[in-house]
Amino acid sequence: MKKILITSFALLFLLAGCGQKKATTASSSSKSETLQSTLPVLENAEKNTVVTKTFMLPKSTDGSQQIQTVTYKGKQFLSLTIIQKRPVTDELKTFVTEHGVEATQKALIEAEGKDTSIQEARKLPGFTLETKLLSETEIQTTTTYDFQVLDIKKASQVEYLKNIGLENLLKNEPSQYVADRLANGATEQ
């Protein structure tokens, strides 16, 4: 009788131990299911997140430097801004020396106003171009492409933008564009 009683208790403990093990397994599998069900939400959040990255490219041999800011969402480019700072030409230095920085800035704006290719490009919605004389020795050009508005096919036919390669740019994914900038020596700001 004692043997039966002891065996019964041993089996009871053994079964109780197995029951707890199954409950723990069921609990961890439900945690795993919860984790698995939230992963697509995270992936969708990444696809719908607007990302903006700014890169400073290395200075060229003539002292020019470019800063690019790219904004994208998932695989779609939203905008690209290129700021190019460069030394002024000798001709422009002479003009600045004779007329001053403000008068030279006004003359630059007038010259751009007479340039038909620049004016044709400026008429495109989603494209902006601004030239600024920063000092007697440095000039800056800021070009912005708003890809949500800009008609790429029309822009590619405009003389000023013809050789920029906008269509080729948009064939790539933004992540590849970013990787290419970094591979070419750009530093992320």
Protein backbone atom coordinates (compact mmCIF):
# COMPACT_ATOMS: atom_id res chain seq x y z
CA MET A 1 0.00 0.00 0.00
CA LYS A 2 2.81 2.38 0.88
CA LYS A 3 4.44 1.60 -2.48
CA ILE A 4 1.22 2.40 -4.35
CA LEU A 5 0.80 5.64 -2.40
CA ILE A 6 4.41 6.72 -3.05
CA THR A 7 4.14 5.76 -6.73
CA SER A 8 0.90 7.73 -7.02
CA PHE A 9 2.51 10.83 -5.51
CA ALA A 10 5.53 10.45 -7.79
CA LEU A 11 3.27 10.19 -10.85
CA LEU A 12 1.25 13.18 -9.64
CA PHE A 13 4.41 15.30 -9.33
CA LEU A 14 5.64 14.05 -12.66
CA LEU A 15 2.37 14.96 -14.36
CA ALA A 16 2.26 18.33 -12.60
CA GLY A 17 5.79 19.04 -13.79
CA CYS A 18 4.89 18.14 -17.38
CA GLY A 19 1.78 20.30 -17.18
CA GLN A 20 3.80 23.34 -16.17
CA LYS A 21 6.26 22.71 -18.95
CA LYS A 22 3.47 22.70 -21.54
CA ALA A 23 2.00 25.91 -20.10
CA THR A 24 5.39 27.63 -20.32
CA THR A 25 5.81 26.49 -23.91
CA ALA A 26 2.37 27.79 -24.81
CA SER A 27 3.19 31.12 -23.15
CA SER A 28 6.46 31.56 -25.07
CA SER A 29 4.83 30.61 -28.37
CA SER A 30 2.18 33.30 -27.88
CA LYS A 31 4.99 35.83 -27.27
CA SER A 32 6.63 34.66 -30.48
CA GLU A 33 3.33 34.99 -32.35
CA THR A 34 2.93 38.54 -31.00
CA LEU A 35 6.45 39.42 -32.15
CA GLN A 36 5.87 37.87 -35.59
CA SER A 37 2.61 39.78 -36.00
CA THR A 38 4.26 43.16 -35.21
CA LEU A 39 7.15 42.75 -37.69
CA PRO A 40 5.06 43.72 -40.75
CA VAL A 41 3.95 46.85 -38.87
CA LEU A 42 7.59 47.82 -38.35
CA GLU A 43 8.40 47.14 -42.01
CA ASN A 44 5.46 49.30 -43.12
CA ALA A 45 6.54 52.06 -40.75
CA GLU A 46 10.00 52.06 -42.34
CA LYS A 47 8.48 52.22 -45.82
CA ASN A 48 6.29 55.17 -44.81
CA THR A 49 8.95 57.11 -42.91
CA VAL A 50 10.29 60.23 -44.62
CA VAL A 51 14.10 60.23 -44.43
CA THR A 52 16.34 63.25 -45.03
CA LYS A 53 20.09 62.85 -45.36
CA THR A 54 22.69 65.55 -45.97
CA PHE A 55 26.10 64.82 -47.46
CA MET A 56 29.19 66.95 -47.87
CA LEU A 57 31.21 65.88 -50.87
CA PRO A 58 35.00 66.30 -50.90
CA LYS A 59 36.39 69.56 -52.26
CA SER A 60 37.39 69.45 -55.89
CA THR A 61 40.80 70.58 -57.15
CA ASP A 62 39.43 74.04 -58.04
CA GLY A 63 38.13 74.54 -54.48
CA SER A 64 34.46 73.83 -55.24
CA GLN A 65 32.44 71.97 -52.65
CA GLN A 66 28.99 70.45 -52.86
CA ILE A 67 26.44 69.72 -50.16
CA GLN A 68 23.52 67.48 -51.13
CA THR A 69 20.35 66.94 -49.15
CA VAL A 70 18.16 64.07 -50.31
CA THR A 71 14.70 63.38 -48.95
CA TYR A 72 12.91 60.12 -49.67
CA LYS A 73 10.23 57.76 -48.47
CA GLY A 74 10.78 54.06 -49.05
CA LYS A 75 11.89 53.69 -52.68
CA GLN A 76 10.61 57.08 -53.81
CA PHE A 77 12.72 60.25 -54.06
CA LEU A 78 10.86 63.28 -52.71
CA SER A 79 13.43 66.04 -53.19
CA LEU A 80 17.08 66.79 -53.82
CA THR A 81 18.84 70.03 -52.92
CA ILE A 82 22.36 70.71 -54.14
CA ILE A 83 24.36 73.59 -52.72
CA GLN A 84 27.55 74.26 -54.62
CA LYS A 85 30.10 76.71 -53.23
CA ARG A 86 32.94 77.66 -55.50
CA PRO A 87 35.59 80.34 -55.88
CA VAL A 88 34.63 83.27 -58.09
CA THR A 89 36.29 83.58 -61.48
CA ASP A 90 39.01 86.17 -62.08
CA GLU A 91 36.57 88.15 -64.25
CA LEU A 92 34.01 88.21 -61.45
CA LYS A 93 36.69 89.16 -58.89
CA THR A 94 37.55 92.19 -60.99
CA PHE A 95 33.86 93.16 -61.21
CA VAL A 96 33.45 92.77 -57.43
CA THR A 97 36.54 94.90 -56.81
CA GLU A 98 35.21 97.66 -59.09
CA HIS A 99 31.52 97.58 -58.06
CA GLY A 100 31.26 95.85 -54.67
CA VAL A 101 29.49 92.69 -53.55
CA GLU A 102 25.90 94.08 -53.59
CA ALA A 103 26.18 95.55 -57.10
CA THR A 104 27.75 92.32 -58.35
CA GLN A 105 24.89 90.29 -56.83
CA LYS A 106 22.38 92.49 -58.67
CA ALA A 107 24.34 92.10 -61.91
CA LEU A 108 24.31 88.30 -61.48
CA ILE A 109 20.53 88.31 -61.03
CA GLU A 110 20.13 90.48 -64.14
CA ALA A 111 22.40 88.19 -66.17
CA GLU A 112 20.41 85.13 -65.09
CA GLY A 113 17.22 86.98 -66.00
CA LYS A 114 18.52 87.39 -69.55
CA ASP A 115 19.61 83.77 -69.88
CA THR A 116 16.73 82.04 -71.69
CA SER A 117 17.78 78.52 -70.66
CA ILE A 118 17.76 79.46 -66.96
CA GLN A 119 14.42 81.24 -67.30
CA GLU A 120 12.90 78.25 -69.10
CA ALA A 121 14.07 75.96 -66.28
CA ARG A 122 12.79 78.31 -63.57
CA LYS A 123 9.30 78.14 -65.07
CA LEU A 124 9.11 74.44 -64.24
CA PRO A 125 7.08 73.75 -61.10
CA GLY A 126 9.27 71.83 -58.66
CA PHE A 127 12.58 73.38 -59.76
CA THR A 128 14.36 76.31 -58.13
CA LEU A 129 17.74 77.88 -58.77
CA GLU A 130 19.35 80.59 -56.68
CA THR A 131 22.78 82.14 -57.11
CA LYS A 132 24.31 84.13 -54.28
CA LEU A 133 27.60 85.94 -54.04
CA LEU A 134 28.77 85.04 -50.52
CA SER A 135 31.89 87.20 -50.53
CA GLU A 136 34.44 88.72 -52.85
CA THR A 137 35.94 85.27 -53.33
CA GLU A 138 33.06 82.79 -53.06
CA ILE A 139 29.78 82.19 -54.90
CA GLN A 140 27.02 79.71 -54.07
CA THR A 141 24.42 78.10 -56.30
CA THR A 142 21.46 76.31 -54.70
CA THR A 143 19.42 74.00 -56.91
CA THR A 144 16.30 72.24 -55.64
CA TYR A 145 14.34 69.47 -57.34
CA ASP A 146 10.94 68.69 -55.80
CA PHE A 147 10.19 65.33 -57.39
CA GLN A 148 6.63 65.33 -56.08
CA VAL A 149 5.86 68.26 -58.39
CA LEU A 150 8.55 68.28 -61.08
CA ASP A 151 7.65 66.75 -64.45
CA ILE A 152 10.84 64.78 -65.11
CA LYS A 153 10.23 64.20 -68.84
CA LYS A 154 9.57 67.89 -69.42
CA ALA A 155 12.57 68.87 -67.26
CA SER A 156 14.84 66.54 -69.24
CA GLN A 157 13.93 68.41 -72.42
CA VAL A 158 14.73 71.85 -71.03
CA GLU A 159 18.14 73.04 -72.23
CA TYR A 160 19.46 73.94 -68.77
CA LEU A 161 18.55 70.54 -67.27
CA LYS A 162 19.09 68.35 -70.34
CA ASN A 163 22.42 66.83 -69.34
CA ILE A 164 21.79 66.45 -65.61
CA GLY A 165 20.42 62.90 -65.89
CA LEU A 166 17.30 63.24 -63.75
CA GLU A 167 15.62 60.23 -65.35
CA ASN A 168 18.65 58.04 -64.56
CA LEU A 169 18.73 59.35 -61.01
CA LEU A 170 15.14 58.33 -60.39
CA LYS A 171 15.71 54.83 -61.81
CA ASN A 172 17.88 54.11 -58.78
CA GLU A 173 16.58 53.57 -55.29
CA PRO A 174 17.35 56.31 -52.75
CA SER A 175 19.30 53.84 -50.61
CA GLN A 176 21.58 53.18 -53.59
CA TYR A 177 21.99 56.93 -54.17
CA VAL A 178 23.01 57.34 -50.51
CA ALA A 179 25.45 54.41 -50.74
CA ASP A 180 26.99 55.86 -53.92
CA ARG A 181 27.57 59.25 -52.24
CA LEU A 182 29.27 57.61 -49.28
CA ALA A 183 31.36 55.38 -51.56
CA ASN A 184 32.56 58.49 -53.43
CA GLY A 185 33.95 60.07 -50.26
CA ALA A 186 30.97 62.08 -49.04
CA THR A 187 30.47 62.49 -45.32
CA GLU A 188 27.02 62.44 -43.80
CA GLN A 189 26.18 65.56 -41.82
